[in-house]
C-alpha cells in the first residue's frame, strides 16, 4: 500500500527506552510500491521481554495495525508471554558489508 505511515519505537542496546529525548522512535511512509526501509540497532533485552520493535501501520481508509516484530533464534522468545511466532522477521542469508543483517516482514492490513 503506497503512502502508508509506519511508526517504529524500540529500546536501545541496553534494553532502555528513551522517554525524555525519544531516540529510537520515528515514522516514515511507504513508497509507491508499499515498501519501506528501517535502519536501526538491535534492541536490548529488558526483564520479561525478548528483543522486539514496536510498529504501528496506518494507511488511508484502513484500520490501524499496532504490533511488534521479533527476531529469530532469540533464546528469550520462549519466555516472553507476548511473543508471537508469526511476527518474526525473515532474516536474509546475505549480510551487508558492515556485517549488518537484513530482515523482511510483510504487513497485511484489513480493508475495513
Protein backbone atom coordinates (compact mmCIF):
# COMPACT_ATOMS: atom_id res chain seq x y z
CA UNK A 1 0.00 0.00 0.00
CA UNK A 2 1.55 3.29 -1.08
CA UNK A 3 1.80 6.17 1.40
CA UNK A 4 1.06 4.08 4.49
CA UNK A 5 2.55 5.64 7.61
CA UNK A 6 4.74 3.29 9.63
CA UNK A 7 5.80 4.31 13.13
CA UNK A 8 8.60 2.49 14.95
CA UNK A 9 9.86 2.58 18.53
CA UNK A 10 12.26 0.38 20.43
CA UNK A 11 14.64 0.06 23.35
CA UNK A 12 18.33 0.88 22.96
CA UNK A 13 21.07 -1.76 23.01
CA UNK A 14 20.85 -1.91 26.81
CA UNK A 15 17.08 -2.53 26.80
CA UNK A 16 16.20 1.03 27.87
CA UNK A 17 13.52 3.20 26.26
CA UNK A 18 14.38 6.89 25.96
CA UNK A 19 11.30 8.58 27.42
CA UNK A 20 12.92 12.03 27.51
CA UNK A 21 14.73 12.56 24.18
CA UNK A 22 12.68 9.93 22.33
CA UNK A 23 15.64 8.44 20.49
CA UNK A 24 14.94 5.24 18.52
CA UNK A 25 11.44 6.45 17.66
CA UNK A 26 10.15 7.78 14.39
CA UNK A 27 7.96 7.27 11.38
CA UNK A 28 8.15 7.06 7.63
CA UNK A 29 5.85 6.48 4.69
CA UNK A 30 5.87 3.54 2.29
CA UNK A 31 6.94 4.16 -1.28
CA UNK A 32 4.73 3.79 -4.38
CA UNK A 33 5.08 0.01 -4.15
CA UNK A 34 4.35 -0.17 -0.42
CA UNK A 35 7.97 -0.75 0.58
CA UNK A 36 9.89 0.76 3.47
CA UNK A 37 13.39 0.53 4.91
CA UNK A 38 14.27 0.87 8.57
CA UNK A 39 17.93 1.04 9.59
CA UNK A 40 18.36 0.63 13.33
CA UNK A 41 20.31 -1.10 16.07
CA UNK A 42 19.46 -4.43 17.66
CA UNK A 43 17.22 -3.63 20.65
CA UNK A 44 18.46 -4.89 24.01
CA UNK A 45 16.72 -7.19 26.42
CA UNK A 46 14.90 -5.98 29.49
CA UNK A 47 13.22 -8.02 32.24
CA UNK A 48 10.39 -10.21 30.97
CA UNK A 49 10.74 -9.33 27.28
CA UNK A 50 12.58 -10.66 24.28
CA UNK A 51 14.14 -8.34 21.67
CA UNK A 52 11.42 -6.58 19.68
CA UNK A 53 10.49 -3.48 17.72
CA UNK A 54 7.08 -1.83 18.16
CA UNK A 55 5.28 -0.90 14.94
CA UNK A 56 2.10 0.95 14.04
CA UNK A 57 0.94 0.89 10.41
CA UNK A 58 -1.76 3.25 9.19
CA UNK A 59 -2.99 3.53 5.62
CA UNK A 60 -5.78 5.73 4.26
CA UNK A 61 -9.15 4.00 4.63
CA UNK A 62 -7.72 1.07 6.61
CA UNK A 63 -7.78 0.05 10.25
CA UNK A 64 -4.64 0.91 12.24
CA UNK A 65 -2.37 -2.05 12.93
CA UNK A 66 -0.28 -1.94 16.11
CA UNK A 67 2.10 -4.83 16.64
CA UNK A 68 5.64 -5.87 17.44
CA UNK A 69 8.32 -7.53 15.32
CA UNK A 70 10.58 -10.21 16.78
CA UNK A 71 13.93 -11.73 15.90
CA UNK A 72 14.51 -15.40 15.06
CA UNK A 73 16.55 -17.71 17.26
CA UNK A 74 16.36 -15.47 20.32
CA UNK A 75 16.51 -17.58 23.50
CA UNK A 76 14.17 -15.13 25.30
CA UNK A 77 11.40 -15.67 22.71
CA UNK A 78 10.26 -18.82 24.52
CA UNK A 79 9.83 -16.99 27.83
CA UNK A 80 8.07 -13.84 26.58
CA UNK A 81 4.31 -14.23 27.07
CA UNK A 82 3.58 -11.60 24.37
CA UNK A 83 5.87 -13.18 21.74
CA UNK A 84 4.10 -14.31 18.55
CA UNK A 85 5.98 -16.57 16.14
CA UNK A 86 4.02 -15.15 13.18
CA UNK A 87 5.67 -11.76 13.79
CA UNK A 88 9.29 -12.90 13.42
CA UNK A 89 11.43 -11.08 10.87
CA UNK A 90 12.69 -13.19 7.99
CA UNK A 91 16.45 -12.70 8.14
CA UNK A 92 18.05 -12.85 4.69
CA UNK A 93 21.04 -15.13 4.08
CA UNK A 94 23.29 -12.29 2.93
CA UNK A 95 24.74 -9.66 5.23
CA UNK A 96 25.82 -6.14 4.35
CA UNK A 97 29.46 -5.09 4.06
CA UNK A 98 29.45 -3.72 7.61
CA UNK A 99 28.17 -7.04 8.98
CA UNK A 100 24.59 -5.80 9.42
CA UNK A 101 21.78 -8.24 8.74
CA UNK A 102 18.71 -7.65 6.57
CA UNK A 103 15.28 -8.72 7.77
CA UNK A 104 12.00 -8.75 5.84
CA UNK A 105 8.41 -8.53 7.01
CA UNK A 106 5.16 -8.03 5.07
CA UNK A 107 2.31 -6.28 6.88
CA UNK A 108 -1.26 -7.19 5.88
CA UNK A 109 -3.97 -4.59 6.54
CA UNK A 110 -7.75 -5.13 6.58
CA UNK A 111 -9.89 -3.27 4.06
CA UNK A 112 -12.29 -2.10 6.81
